[in-house]
Amino acid sequence: MNLALIHDRLYIKSFWENRISADSQHAESEETRMNKSALKKLREEWVVRLENRNKHLKKLNDGFVRKAKTEKSADQT
């Protein structure tokens, strides 16, 4: 084999190994950053708040509907 081809292969192999290593390190640091972020906790808190708000509004709406039905049935009698 030609010495230049061997050198080129080794250079290309080491280039891609370094690139993969750098990308892996970047992915790990990004995952660590995301895990430290408070965004996930805030989203969970907002989901709970929205669920509670929706439950409250549904109870209010159900109460108004029930009240309207009883008034309507009282008017008919």
Protein backbone atom coordinates (compact mmCIF):
# COMPACT_ATOMS: atom_id res chain seq x y z
CA MET A 1 0.00 0.00 0.00
CA ASN A 2 1.02 3.50 -0.62
CA LEU A 3 2.24 5.37 2.46
CA ALA A 4 0.22 8.44 1.48
CA LEU A 5 -3.02 6.38 1.42
CA ILE A 6 -2.30 4.96 4.87
CA HIS A 7 -1.60 8.45 6.18
CA ASP A 8 -4.82 9.77 4.61
CA ARG A 9 -6.85 6.92 6.12
CA LEU A 10 -5.37 7.49 9.56
CA TYR A 11 -5.98 11.22 9.25
CA ILE A 12 -9.59 10.72 8.20
CA LYS A 13 -10.15 8.12 10.94
CA SER A 14 -8.68 10.37 13.64
CA PHE A 15 -10.62 13.37 12.29
CA TRP A 16 -13.97 11.56 12.60
CA GLU A 17 -13.09 10.03 15.97
CA ASN A 18 -12.28 13.51 17.29
CA ARG A 19 -15.45 14.90 15.76
CA ILE A 20 -17.59 12.16 17.32
CA SER A 21 -15.89 12.66 20.68
CA ALA A 22 -16.49 16.42 20.57
CA ASP A 23 -20.13 15.94 19.59
CA SER A 24 -20.63 13.41 22.39
CA GLN A 25 -19.15 15.82 24.93
CA HIS A 26 -21.34 18.62 23.63
CA ALA A 27 -24.44 16.40 23.89
CA GLU A 28 -23.56 15.44 27.46
CA SER A 29 -22.99 19.04 28.50
CA GLU A 30 -26.28 20.06 26.86
CA GLU A 31 -28.13 17.28 28.69
CA THR A 32 -26.55 18.38 31.98
CA ARG A 33 -27.58 21.97 31.30
CA MET A 34 -31.15 20.92 30.52
CA ASN A 35 -31.35 18.82 33.70
CA LYS A 36 -30.21 21.81 35.78
CA SER A 37 -32.75 24.06 34.11
CA ALA A 38 -35.80 25.11 36.09
CA LEU A 39 -37.93 25.12 32.94
CA LYS A 40 -39.18 21.55 33.42
CA LYS A 41 -40.28 22.29 36.99
CA LEU A 42 -41.99 25.51 35.91
CA ARG A 43 -43.87 23.72 33.15
CA GLU A 44 -45.07 21.08 35.60
CA GLU A 45 -46.26 23.79 38.00
CA TRP A 46 -48.14 25.56 35.21
CA VAL A 47 -49.79 22.31 34.14
CA VAL A 48 -51.03 21.81 37.71
CA ARG A 49 -52.28 25.42 37.85
CA LEU A 50 -54.10 25.08 34.53
CA GLU A 51 -55.68 21.79 35.57
CA ASN A 52 -56.92 23.35 38.82
CA ARG A 53 -58.24 26.38 36.94
CA ASN A 54 -60.05 24.17 34.43
CA LYS A 55 -61.60 22.11 37.24
CA HIS A 56 -62.77 25.29 38.97
CA LEU A 57 -64.26 26.72 35.76
CA LYS A 58 -65.99 23.41 35.03
CA LYS A 59 -67.55 23.39 38.51
CA LEU A 60 -68.74 26.97 38.04
CA ASN A 61 -70.20 26.15 34.63
CA ASP A 62 -71.89 23.02 35.94
CA GLY A 63 -73.36 25.07 38.79
CA PHE A 64 -74.75 27.67 36.38
CA VAL A 65 -76.22 24.97 34.13
CA ARG A 66 -77.81 23.20 37.10
CA LYS A 67 -79.20 26.50 38.40
CA ALA A 68 -80.60 27.38 34.97
CA LYS A 69 -82.28 23.96 34.68
CA THR A 70 -83.89 24.25 38.11
CA GLU A 71 -85.12 27.77 37.34
CA LYS A 72 -86.50 26.63 33.99
CA SER A 73 -88.29 23.66 35.53
CA ALA A 74 -89.66 25.92 38.32
CA ASP A 75 -90.97 28.38 35.71
CA GLN A 76 -92.73 25.59 33.82
CA THR A 77 -94.68 24.43 36.84
